[in-house]
Amino acid sequence: MSSPAEREPSAPTQDADGLVARRRLYVEFGDAILGDRDASEPDAFARLRLAGTAIVKLLGDQGHADAPANERATLRGLHERILAWMREEPVDAVLGLSLWREVVDAIDAVMRVNDEPALLTHDLVALRACLDHLEAGDLSACRERAGSLVGRDAALDRRIRGAAPTAALRASLRRVLLSLVREQARRSRRR
């Protein structure tokens, strides 16, 4: 098995670094809106106000400036519809639930950043490096490297963010690595 240093890319591409940073923004965006609440049971007015604020924050963040124009336009349009709904008196509850579904769909849509080939390659390298660090007995180096993986997989995110036992973290890393290797192979066959 190669050492973690041998697996690290000599110079990460700006493309992958930018995508990792954008994914972090998207995770913060989703967390700010959904938090620990069930997405299907919103307090519509409060949740949509929170979503509107999170959308403005995301659109204003310099890290989101290089996001696709259609994504930015979609988020702006959603924000405008939320504001219009909030100005209605009385508010239309059915429309509020429909807007909430759009917000949840928007969170899912921005997380498709994970489909970017450069991010897939980055994550494969990071997952292998994390497993190598664990093999070498360096849990702290693994956790530090794993920080760039947050947003790739919800179960892995919980292991990275929490104090998961090493065996549980290793199992999650292996599961996600296997999944991404399969995805990369599937993409290669399509070419």
N, C-alpha and C. Protein backbone atom coordinates (compact mmCIF):
# COMPACT_ATOMS: atom_id res chain seq x y z
N MET A 1 0.86 -1.18 0.00
CA MET A 1 0.00 0.00 0.00
C MET A 1 0.90 1.23 0.00
N SER A 2 0.53 2.24 -0.79
CA SER A 2 1.32 3.46 -0.85
C SER A 2 1.07 4.32 0.37
N SER A 3 2.03 5.18 0.65
CA SER A 3 1.87 6.07 1.81
C SER A 3 0.89 7.18 1.47
N PRO A 4 0.30 7.82 2.49
CA PRO A 4 -0.64 8.91 2.22
C PRO A 4 0.00 10.02 1.39
N ALA A 5 1.27 10.30 1.62
CA ALA A 5 1.93 11.36 0.87
C ALA A 5 2.02 11.02 -0.62
N GLU A 6 2.22 9.74 -0.94
CA GLU A 6 2.29 9.33 -2.34
C GLU A 6 0.94 9.45 -3.04
N ARG A 7 -0.14 9.35 -2.29
CA ARG A 7 -1.47 9.42 -2.88
C ARG A 7 -1.96 10.85 -3.05
N GLU A 8 -1.39 11.78 -2.28
CA GLU A 8 -1.83 13.17 -2.36
C GLU A 8 -1.41 13.72 -3.72
N PRO A 9 -2.30 14.48 -4.38
CA PRO A 9 -1.89 15.10 -5.62
C PRO A 9 -0.81 16.13 -5.34
N SER A 10 0.18 16.23 -6.24
CA SER A 10 1.28 17.15 -6.01
C SER A 10 0.80 18.59 -5.98
N ALA A 11 -0.15 18.93 -6.82
CA ALA A 11 -0.71 20.28 -6.84
C ALA A 11 -2.18 20.17 -7.18
N PRO A 12 -3.05 20.27 -6.17
CA PRO A 12 -4.48 20.16 -6.47
C PRO A 12 -4.88 21.21 -7.50
N THR A 13 -5.75 20.82 -8.39
CA THR A 13 -6.16 21.76 -9.42
C THR A 13 -7.05 22.82 -8.80
N GLN A 14 -6.95 24.02 -9.33
CA GLN A 14 -7.81 25.11 -8.87
C GLN A 14 -9.27 24.72 -9.08
N ASP A 15 -9.52 24.00 -10.18
CA ASP A 15 -10.88 23.57 -10.46
C ASP A 15 -11.44 22.74 -9.31
N ALA A 16 -10.69 21.75 -8.87
CA ALA A 16 -11.16 20.90 -7.77
C ALA A 16 -11.26 21.70 -6.48
N ASP A 17 -10.29 22.55 -6.21
CA ASP A 17 -10.34 23.36 -4.99
C ASP A 17 -11.57 24.26 -4.98
N GLY A 18 -11.86 24.86 -6.12
CA GLY A 18 -13.04 25.72 -6.22
C GLY A 18 -14.32 24.94 -6.03
N LEU A 19 -14.36 23.73 -6.58
CA LEU A 19 -15.55 22.89 -6.44
C LEU A 19 -15.73 22.42 -5.00
N VAL A 20 -14.63 22.10 -4.33
CA VAL A 20 -14.71 21.70 -2.91
C VAL A 20 -15.25 22.87 -2.09
N ALA A 21 -14.75 24.07 -2.37
CA ALA A 21 -15.21 25.25 -1.64
C ALA A 21 -16.69 25.52 -1.93
N ARG A 22 -17.10 25.35 -3.18
CA ARG A 22 -18.50 25.56 -3.54
C ARG A 22 -19.38 24.52 -2.86
N ARG A 23 -18.91 23.27 -2.82
CA ARG A 23 -19.69 22.22 -2.15
C ARG A 23 -19.86 22.57 -0.66
N ARG A 24 -18.81 23.10 -0.03
CA ARG A 24 -18.92 23.51 1.37
C ARG A 24 -20.00 24.58 1.54
N LEU A 25 -20.02 25.54 0.61
CA LEU A 25 -21.06 26.57 0.65
C LEU A 25 -22.45 25.94 0.55
N TYR A 26 -22.59 24.95 -0.33
CA TYR A 26 -23.88 24.31 -0.53
C TYR A 26 -24.30 23.52 0.70
N VAL A 27 -23.35 22.89 1.36
CA VAL A 27 -23.66 22.17 2.61
C VAL A 27 -24.14 23.17 3.66
N GLU A 28 -23.44 24.30 3.79
CA GLU A 28 -23.86 25.33 4.74
C GLU A 28 -25.25 25.86 4.38
N PHE A 29 -25.48 26.04 3.08
CA PHE A 29 -26.78 26.51 2.59
C PHE A 29 -27.89 25.54 3.01
N GLY A 30 -27.70 24.27 2.75
CA GLY A 30 -28.70 23.27 3.12
C GLY A 30 -28.88 23.16 4.62
N ASP A 31 -27.76 23.18 5.36
CA ASP A 31 -27.84 23.09 6.82
C ASP A 31 -28.58 24.29 7.41
N ALA A 32 -28.34 25.48 6.84
CA ALA A 32 -28.99 26.69 7.35
C ALA A 32 -30.50 26.62 7.18
N ILE A 33 -30.93 25.99 6.13
CA ILE A 33 -32.37 25.91 5.85
C ILE A 33 -33.02 24.72 6.54
N LEU A 34 -32.42 23.57 6.40
CA LEU A 34 -33.04 22.36 6.92
C LEU A 34 -32.71 22.11 8.39
N GLY A 35 -31.49 22.42 8.77
CA GLY A 35 -31.08 22.15 10.15
C GLY A 35 -31.39 20.71 10.50
N ASP A 36 -31.96 20.52 11.66
CA ASP A 36 -32.31 19.18 12.11
C ASP A 36 -33.77 18.85 11.84
N ARG A 37 -34.46 19.72 11.11
CA ARG A 37 -35.89 19.50 10.90
C ARG A 37 -36.15 18.61 9.71
N ASP A 38 -37.26 17.94 9.75
CA ASP A 38 -37.73 17.11 8.65
C ASP A 38 -38.20 18.03 7.53
N ALA A 39 -37.65 17.84 6.35
CA ALA A 39 -37.97 18.72 5.21
C ALA A 39 -39.43 18.65 4.81
N SER A 40 -40.14 17.62 5.21
CA SER A 40 -41.54 17.49 4.80
C SER A 40 -42.50 18.18 5.78
N GLU A 41 -42.01 18.66 6.91
CA GLU A 41 -42.87 19.25 7.94
C GLU A 41 -42.43 20.68 8.29
N PRO A 42 -42.49 21.59 7.34
CA PRO A 42 -42.00 22.93 7.67
C PRO A 42 -43.02 23.79 8.40
N ASP A 43 -42.52 24.71 9.21
CA ASP A 43 -43.29 25.85 9.67
C ASP A 43 -43.08 26.82 8.52
N ALA A 44 -44.01 26.83 7.58
CA ALA A 44 -43.80 27.43 6.27
C ALA A 44 -43.23 28.84 6.31
N PHE A 45 -43.84 29.72 7.06
CA PHE A 45 -43.39 31.11 7.04
C PHE A 45 -41.95 31.23 7.56
N ALA A 46 -41.67 30.64 8.70
CA ALA A 46 -40.33 30.72 9.29
C ALA A 46 -39.29 30.03 8.42
N ARG A 47 -39.63 28.87 7.91
CA ARG A 47 -38.68 28.12 7.08
C ARG A 47 -38.40 28.87 5.77
N LEU A 48 -39.42 29.44 5.17
CA LEU A 48 -39.21 30.15 3.90
C LEU A 48 -38.46 31.46 4.13
N ARG A 49 -38.70 32.11 5.25
CA ARG A 49 -37.92 33.32 5.57
C ARG A 49 -36.45 32.94 5.72
N LEU A 50 -36.20 31.84 6.41
CA LEU A 50 -34.84 31.34 6.58
C LEU A 50 -34.23 30.98 5.22
N ALA A 51 -35.02 30.34 4.36
CA ALA A 51 -34.53 29.97 3.03
C ALA A 51 -34.19 31.21 2.22
N GLY A 52 -35.05 32.21 2.28
CA GLY A 52 -34.78 33.45 1.55
C GLY A 52 -33.47 34.09 1.99
N THR A 53 -33.24 34.11 3.29
CA THR A 53 -32.00 34.67 3.82
C THR A 53 -30.79 33.84 3.36
N ALA A 54 -30.93 32.52 3.41
CA ALA A 54 -29.83 31.64 3.00
C ALA A 54 -29.52 31.79 1.51
N ILE A 55 -30.56 31.97 0.69
CA ILE A 55 -30.35 32.17 -0.75
C ILE A 55 -29.57 33.46 -0.99
N VAL A 56 -29.98 34.54 -0.33
CA VAL A 56 -29.27 35.82 -0.50
C VAL A 56 -27.81 35.68 -0.07
N LYS A 57 -27.59 35.02 1.05
CA LYS A 57 -26.22 34.81 1.55
C LYS A 57 -25.41 34.01 0.53
N LEU A 58 -25.99 32.94 0.01
CA LEU A 58 -25.29 32.11 -0.96
C LEU A 58 -24.97 32.90 -2.23
N LEU A 59 -25.95 33.61 -2.77
CA LEU A 59 -25.73 34.36 -4.00
C LEU A 59 -24.69 35.47 -3.81
N GLY A 60 -24.60 36.01 -2.61
CA GLY A 60 -23.65 37.08 -2.35
C GLY A 60 -22.25 36.61 -2.00
N ASP A 61 -22.09 35.32 -1.78
CA ASP A 61 -20.78 34.79 -1.41
C ASP A 61 -19.86 34.73 -2.62
N GLN A 62 -18.64 35.23 -2.45
CA GLN A 62 -17.67 35.24 -3.55
C GLN A 62 -17.41 33.82 -4.07
N GLY A 63 -17.47 32.83 -3.21
CA GLY A 63 -17.23 31.45 -3.62
C GLY A 63 -18.29 30.91 -4.55
N HIS A 64 -19.44 31.59 -4.62
CA HIS A 64 -20.51 31.14 -5.50
C HIS A 64 -20.51 31.89 -6.83
N ALA A 65 -19.60 32.85 -6.97
CA ALA A 65 -19.56 33.68 -8.18
C ALA A 65 -19.32 32.88 -9.44
N ASP A 66 -18.60 31.76 -9.32
CA ASP A 66 -18.30 30.95 -10.51
C ASP A 66 -19.32 29.83 -10.74
N ALA A 67 -20.40 29.83 -9.98
CA ALA A 67 -21.46 28.83 -10.18
C ALA A 67 -22.12 29.06 -11.53
N PRO A 68 -22.69 28.03 -12.12
CA PRO A 68 -23.35 28.20 -13.41
C PRO A 68 -24.43 29.29 -13.36
N ALA A 69 -24.49 30.06 -14.45
CA ALA A 69 -25.43 31.19 -14.51
C ALA A 69 -26.87 30.73 -14.34
N ASN A 70 -27.24 29.58 -14.92
CA ASN A 70 -28.62 29.12 -14.79
C ASN A 70 -28.96 28.76 -13.34
N GLU A 71 -27.98 28.26 -12.59
CA GLU A 71 -28.20 27.95 -11.17
C GLU A 71 -28.44 29.24 -10.39
N ARG A 72 -27.63 30.24 -10.65
CA ARG A 72 -27.79 31.52 -9.96
C ARG A 72 -29.14 32.16 -10.30
N ALA A 73 -29.53 32.07 -11.58
CA ALA A 73 -30.82 32.64 -12.00
C ALA A 73 -31.99 31.90 -11.33
N THR A 74 -31.88 30.58 -11.26
CA THR A 74 -32.93 29.78 -10.61
C THR A 74 -33.08 30.17 -9.14
N LEU A 75 -31.97 30.31 -8.45
CA LEU A 75 -32.02 30.70 -7.04
C LEU A 75 -32.59 32.11 -6.87
N ARG A 76 -32.20 33.03 -7.76
CA ARG A 76 -32.75 34.39 -7.68
C ARG A 76 -34.26 34.37 -7.87
N GLY A 77 -34.72 33.59 -8.87
CA GLY A 77 -36.16 33.49 -9.12
C GLY A 77 -36.91 32.89 -7.95
N LEU A 78 -36.34 31.87 -7.33
CA LEU A 78 -36.95 31.25 -6.16
C LEU A 78 -37.02 32.28 -5.02
N HIS A 79 -35.97 33.03 -4.83
CA HIS A 79 -35.96 34.05 -3.79
C HIS A 79 -37.07 35.08 -4.04
N GLU A 80 -37.22 35.51 -5.27
CA GLU A 80 -38.27 36.48 -5.61
C GLU A 80 -39.67 35.92 -5.33
N ARG A 81 -39.88 34.64 -5.66
CA ARG A 81 -41.19 34.03 -5.40
C ARG A 81 -41.46 33.90 -3.89
N ILE A 82 -40.41 33.61 -3.12
CA ILE A 82 -40.56 33.53 -1.67
C ILE A 82 -40.95 34.90 -1.12
N LEU A 83 -40.26 35.95 -1.57
CA LEU A 83 -40.58 37.31 -1.10
C LEU A 83 -42.02 37.69 -1.46
N ALA A 84 -42.42 37.39 -2.68
CA ALA A 84 -43.79 37.72 -3.10
C ALA A 84 -44.80 36.98 -2.23
N TRP A 85 -44.56 35.72 -1.95
CA TRP A 85 -45.46 34.93 -1.11
C TRP A 85 -45.55 35.52 0.30
N MET A 86 -44.40 35.93 0.83
CA MET A 86 -44.38 36.46 2.20
C MET A 86 -45.13 37.79 2.31
N ARG A 87 -45.25 38.52 1.21
CA ARG A 87 -45.94 39.81 1.21
C ARG A 87 -47.46 39.66 1.13
N GLU A 88 -47.94 38.47 0.74
CA GLU A 88 -49.38 38.23 0.63
C GLU A 88 -50.03 38.26 2.01
N GLU A 89 -51.25 38.78 2.06
CA GLU A 89 -52.02 38.71 3.30
C GLU A 89 -53.43 38.30 2.95
N PRO A 90 -53.93 37.24 3.42
CA PRO A 90 -53.20 36.22 4.17
C PRO A 90 -52.35 35.38 3.21
N VAL A 91 -51.33 34.73 3.76
CA VAL A 91 -50.46 33.91 2.92
C VAL A 91 -51.23 32.66 2.49
N ASP A 92 -50.93 32.20 1.30
CA ASP A 92 -51.53 30.99 0.74
C ASP A 92 -50.72 29.79 1.21
N ALA A 93 -51.28 28.99 2.10
CA ALA A 93 -50.56 27.85 2.68
C ALA A 93 -50.16 26.83 1.63
N VAL A 94 -51.01 26.59 0.65
CA VAL A 94 -50.70 25.61 -0.40
C VAL A 94 -49.50 26.08 -1.21
N LEU A 95 -49.50 27.35 -1.56
CA LEU A 95 -48.37 27.91 -2.30
C LEU A 95 -47.11 27.87 -1.43
N GLY A 96 -47.24 28.12 -0.15
CA GLY A 96 -46.10 28.04 0.75
C GLY A 96 -45.47 26.65 0.76
N LEU A 97 -46.31 25.62 0.79
CA LEU A 97 -45.78 24.25 0.75
C LEU A 97 -45.14 23.94 -0.59
N SER A 98 -45.71 24.47 -1.65
CA SER A 98 -45.12 24.30 -2.98
C SER A 98 -43.75 24.98 -3.05
N LEU A 99 -43.66 26.18 -2.50
CA LEU A 99 -42.37 26.87 -2.47
C LEU A 99 -41.36 26.10 -1.63
N TRP A 100 -41.84 25.54 -0.52
CA TRP A 100 -40.94 24.75 0.33
C TRP A 100 -40.38 23.57 -0.46
N ARG A 101 -41.22 22.90 -1.23
CA ARG A 101 -40.73 21.78 -2.06
C ARG A 101 -39.67 22.28 -3.04
N GLU A 102 -39.89 23.48 -3.60
CA GLU A 102 -38.90 24.06 -4.51
C GLU A 102 -37.58 24.32 -3.80
N VAL A 103 -37.64 24.77 -2.56
CA VAL A 103 -36.42 25.02 -1.79
C VAL A 103 -35.67 23.71 -1.58
N VAL A 104 -36.39 22.67 -1.17
CA VAL A 104 -35.75 21.37 -0.94
C VAL A 104 -35.16 20.85 -2.26
N ASP A 105 -35.89 21.02 -3.36
CA ASP A 105 -35.37 20.62 -4.68
C ASP A 105 -34.13 21.42 -5.05
N ALA A 106 -34.11 22.71 -4.70
CA ALA A 106 -32.95 23.56 -5.00
C ALA A 106 -31.72 23.08 -4.23
N ILE A 107 -31.92 22.66 -2.99
CA ILE A 107 -30.80 22.13 -2.20
C ILE A 107 -30.26 20.88 -2.88
N ASP A 108 -31.16 19.99 -3.30
CA ASP A 108 -30.72 18.78 -4.01
C ASP A 108 -30.00 19.13 -5.31
N ALA A 109 -30.51 20.13 -6.02
CA ALA A 109 -29.92 20.51 -7.31
C ALA A 109 -28.51 21.06 -7.14
N VAL A 110 -28.29 21.93 -6.16
CA VAL A 110 -26.94 22.47 -6.02
C VAL A 110 -25.95 21.41 -5.59
N MET A 111 -26.42 20.39 -4.87
CA MET A 111 -25.52 19.33 -4.45
C MET A 111 -25.10 18.43 -5.61
N ARG A 112 -25.68 18.65 -6.78
CA ARG A 112 -25.21 17.91 -7.96
C ARG A 112 -23.82 18.35 -8.39
N VAL A 113 -23.27 19.32 -7.66
CA VAL A 113 -21.87 19.69 -7.88
C VAL A 113 -21.01 18.43 -7.73
N ASN A 114 -21.48 17.46 -6.95
CA ASN A 114 -20.75 16.21 -6.77
C ASN A 114 -20.59 15.43 -8.07
N ASP A 115 -21.39 15.75 -9.10
CA ASP A 115 -21.29 15.06 -10.38
C ASP A 115 -20.13 15.57 -11.24
N GLU A 116 -19.52 16.67 -10.83
CA GLU A 116 -18.41 17.24 -11.60
C GLU A 116 -17.22 16.27 -11.61
N PRO A 117 -16.68 15.95 -12.80
CA PRO A 117 -15.55 15.01 -12.88
C PRO A 117 -14.35 15.39 -12.01
N ALA A 118 -14.01 16.67 -11.95
CA ALA A 118 -12.86 17.09 -11.14
C ALA A 118 -13.11 16.83 -9.66
N LEU A 119 -14.35 16.97 -9.22
CA LEU A 119 -14.68 16.73 -7.82
C LEU A 119 -14.68 15.22 -7.53
N LEU A 120 -15.15 14.44 -8.48
CA LEU A 120 -15.11 12.98 -8.33
C LEU A 120 -13.66 12.52 -8.18
N THR A 121 -12.78 13.03 -9.02
CA THR A 121 -11.37 12.67 -8.96
C THR A 121 -10.76 13.11 -7.62
N HIS A 122 -11.06 14.34 -7.22
CA HIS A 122 -10.58 14.83 -5.93
C HIS A 122 -11.03 13.92 -4.80
N ASP A 123 -12.29 13.55 -4.80
CA ASP A 123 -12.85 12.76 -3.71
C ASP A 123 -12.25 11.35 -3.68
N LEU A 124 -11.99 10.78 -4.84
CA LEU A 124 -11.34 9.46 -4.87
C LEU A 124 -9.96 9.53 -4.22
N VAL A 125 -9.19 10.56 -4.57
CA VAL A 125 -7.86 10.74 -3.98
C VAL A 125 -7.98 10.96 -2.48
N ALA A 126 -8.91 11.82 -2.06
CA ALA A 126 -9.07 12.12 -0.64
C ALA A 126 -9.49 10.88 0.15
N LEU A 127 -10.42 10.11 -0.39
CA LEU A 127 -10.87 8.89 0.30
C LEU A 127 -9.72 7.91 0.47
N ARG A 128 -8.94 7.72 -0.57
CA ARG A 128 -7.80 6.80 -0.48
C ARG A 128 -6.78 7.30 0.54
N ALA A 129 -6.53 8.61 0.53
CA ALA A 129 -5.58 9.19 1.50
C ALA A 129 -6.09 9.00 2.93
N CYS A 130 -7.38 9.20 3.13
CA CYS A 130 -7.96 9.01 4.48
C CYS A 130 -7.77 7.57 4.94
N LEU A 131 -8.06 6.64 4.06
CA LEU A 131 -7.89 5.23 4.43
C LEU A 131 -6.43 4.90 4.71
N ASP A 132 -5.51 5.48 3.92
CA ASP A 132 -4.08 5.28 4.17
C ASP A 132 -3.69 5.85 5.54
N HIS A 133 -4.21 7.02 5.88
CA HIS A 133 -3.92 7.62 7.18
C HIS A 133 -4.42 6.71 8.30
N LEU A 134 -5.63 6.16 8.13
CA LEU A 134 -6.15 5.23 9.15
C LEU A 134 -5.27 3.99 9.26
N GLU A 135 -4.84 3.48 8.12
CA GLU A 135 -3.97 2.30 8.10
C GLU A 135 -2.68 2.57 8.86
N ALA A 136 -2.19 3.81 8.74
CA ALA A 136 -0.96 4.20 9.42
C ALA A 136 -1.22 4.59 10.88
N GLY A 137 -2.49 4.55 11.31
CA GLY A 137 -2.83 4.87 12.69
C GLY A 137 -2.94 6.35 12.98
N ASP A 138 -3.10 7.16 11.95
CA ASP A 138 -3.15 8.62 12.13
C ASP A 138 -4.58 9.12 11.91
N LEU A 139 -5.41 8.98 12.94
CA LEU A 139 -6.81 9.38 12.87
C LEU A 139 -6.96 10.88 12.64
N SER A 140 -6.11 11.68 13.30
CA SER A 140 -6.26 13.13 13.15
C SER A 140 -5.95 13.57 11.73
N ALA A 141 -4.95 12.98 11.07
CA ALA A 141 -4.66 13.32 9.67
C ALA A 141 -5.81 12.89 8.77
N CYS A 142 -6.41 11.75 9.08
CA CYS A 142 -7.56 11.28 8.32
C CYS A 142 -8.70 12.26 8.44
N ARG A 143 -9.02 12.66 9.65
CA ARG A 143 -10.14 13.59 9.85
C ARG A 143 -9.88 14.94 9.18
N GLU A 144 -8.64 15.39 9.24
CA GLU A 144 -8.30 16.66 8.59
C GLU A 144 -8.51 16.56 7.08
N ARG A 145 -8.03 15.49 6.49
CA ARG A 145 -8.17 15.30 5.04
C ARG A 145 -9.64 15.07 4.67
N ALA A 146 -10.37 14.41 5.53
CA ALA A 146 -11.78 14.10 5.26
C ALA A 146 -12.65 15.34 5.25
N GLY A 147 -12.18 16.42 5.82
CA GLY A 147 -12.96 17.66 5.82
C GLY A 147 -13.35 18.11 4.43
N SER A 148 -12.51 17.81 3.44
CA SER A 148 -12.83 18.21 2.07
C SER A 148 -13.89 17.32 1.43
N LEU A 149 -14.28 16.27 2.12
CA LEU A 149 -15.29 15.34 1.59
C LEU A 149 -16.71 15.67 2.07
N VAL A 150 -16.83 16.58 3.03
CA VAL A 150 -18.15 16.91 3.56
C VAL A 150 -19.04 17.39 2.42
N GLY A 151 -20.21 16.77 2.32
CA GLY A 151 -21.14 17.07 1.23
C GLY A 151 -21.22 15.95 0.21
N ARG A 152 -20.28 15.03 0.24
CA ARG A 152 -20.28 13.91 -0.72
C ARG A 152 -21.34 12.88 -0.36
N ASP A 153 -21.50 12.60 0.94
CA ASP A 153 -22.38 11.52 1.37
C ASP A 153 -22.86 11.84 2.80
N ALA A 154 -24.17 11.83 2.99
CA ALA A 154 -24.74 12.25 4.28
C ALA A 154 -24.25 11.38 5.44
N ALA A 155 -24.21 10.07 5.25
CA ALA A 155 -23.76 9.19 6.34
C ALA A 155 -22.28 9.42 6.65
N LEU A 156 -21.47 9.61 5.61
CA LEU A 156 -20.05 9.90 5.84
C LEU A 156 -19.90 11.25 6.53
N ASP A 157 -20.71 12.22 6.14
CA ASP A 157 -20.66 13.54 6.78
C ASP A 157 -20.86 13.41 8.29
N ARG A 158 -21.82 12.59 8.70
CA ARG A 158 -22.07 12.41 10.14
C ARG A 158 -20.85 11.81 10.83
N ARG A 159 -20.18 10.90 10.16
CA ARG A 159 -18.98 10.27 10.74
C ARG A 159 -17.83 11.28 10.83
N ILE A 160 -17.69 12.11 9.80
CA ILE A 160 -16.62 13.10 9.78
C ILE A 160 -16.87 14.18 10.83
N ARG A 161 -18.09 14.65 10.90
CA ARG A 161 -18.43 15.75 11.81
C ARG A 161 -18.52 15.31 13.26
N GLY A 162 -18.85 14.06 13.47
CA GLY A 162 -19.00 13.56 14.84
C GLY A 162 -17.73 12.88 15.32
N ALA A 163 -17.84 12.27 16.45
CA ALA A 163 -16.70 11.55 17.03
C ALA A 163 -16.89 10.06 16.80
N ALA A 164 -17.07 9.68 15.54
CA ALA A 164 -17.32 8.28 15.21
C ALA A 164 -16.10 7.43 15.54
N PRO A 165 -16.34 6.21 16.02
CA PRO A 165 -15.21 5.30 16.24
C PRO A 165 -14.46 5.08 14.92
N THR A 166 -13.20 4.78 15.03
CA THR A 166 -12.36 4.59 13.85
C THR A 166 -12.94 3.54 12.91
N ALA A 167 -13.43 2.44 13.46
CA ALA A 167 -13.97 1.37 12.62
C ALA A 167 -15.18 1.85 11.82
N ALA A 168 -16.03 2.65 12.43
CA ALA A 168 -17.21 3.17 11.73
C ALA A 168 -16.80 4.16 10.65
N LEU A 169 -15.83 5.01 10.95
CA LEU A 169 -15.33 5.95 9.95
C LEU A 169 -14.71 5.20 8.78
N ARG A 170 -13.89 4.20 9.08
CA ARG A 170 -13.24 3.40 8.04
C ARG A 170 -14.30 2.72 7.15
N ALA A 171 -15.34 2.17 7.76
CA ALA A 171 -16.39 1.50 6.99
C ALA A 171 -17.10 2.49 6.07
N SER A 172 -17.39 3.69 6.56
CA SER A 172 -18.05 4.70 5.73
C SER A 172 -17.14 5.15 4.60
N LEU A 173 -15.87 5.37 4.89
CA LEU A 173 -14.92 5.77 3.84
C LEU A 173 -14.83 4.70 2.75
N ARG A 174 -14.75 3.44 3.16
CA ARG A 174 -14.68 2.35 2.18
C ARG A 174 -15.95 2.25 1.34
N ARG A 175 -17.10 2.42 1.98
CA ARG A 175 -18.37 2.34 1.26
C ARG A 175 -18.46 3.44 0.21
N VAL A 176 -18.10 4.66 0.59
CA VAL A 176 -18.17 5.77 -0.36
C VAL A 176 -17.12 5.60 -1.45
N LEU A 177 -15.93 5.15 -1.08
CA LEU A 177 -14.90 4.91 -2.09
C LEU A 177 -15.37 3.88 -3.12
N LEU A 178 -15.93 2.79 -2.66
CA LEU A 178 -16.44 1.77 -3.57
C LEU A 178 -17.52 2.34 -4.49
N SER A 179 -18.40 3.11 -3.93
CA SER A 179 -19.47 3.74 -4.71
C SER A 179 -18.88 4.66 -5.80
N LEU A 180 -17.87 5.46 -5.44
CA LEU A 180 -17.28 6.38 -6.42
C LEU A 180 -16.46 5.65 -7.47
N VAL A 181 -15.79 4.57 -7.09
CA VAL A 181 -15.05 3.78 -8.07
C VAL A 181 -16.03 3.19 -9.09
N ARG A 182 -17.16 2.71 -8.60
CA ARG A 182 -18.18 2.18 -9.51
C ARG A 182 -18.72 3.28 -10.43
N GLU A 183 -18.95 4.47 -9.87
CA GLU A 183 -19.44 5.60 -10.66
C GLU A 183 -18.42 5.98 -11.73
N GLN A 184 -17.16 6.01 -11.36
CA GLN A 184 -16.11 6.35 -12.33
C GLN A 184 -16.05 5.30 -13.44
N ALA A 185 -16.18 4.05 -13.09
CA ALA A 185 -16.16 2.98 -14.10
C ALA A 185 -17.37 3.10 -15.03
N ARG A 186 -18.52 3.41 -14.45
CA ARG A 186 -19.73 3.59 -15.26
C ARG A 186 -19.55 4.72 -16.25
N ARG A 187 -18.97 5.81 -15.79
CA ARG A 187 -18.73 6.96 -16.67
C ARG A 187 -17.75 6.61 -17.78
N SER A 188 -16.73 5.84 -17.43
CA SER A 188 -15.72 5.45 -18.42
C SER A 188 -16.32 4.58 -19.51
N ARG A 189 -17.25 3.71 -19.13
CA ARG A 189 -17.90 2.83 -20.13
C ARG A 189 -18.78 3.63 -21.08
N ARG A 190 -19.33 4.74 -20.59
CA ARG A 190 -20.20 5.58 -21.44
C ARG A 190 -19.43 6.31 -22.53
N ARG A 191 -18.16 6.53 -22.32
CA ARG A 191 -17.37 7.31 -23.28
C ARG A 191 -17.09 6.55 -24.52
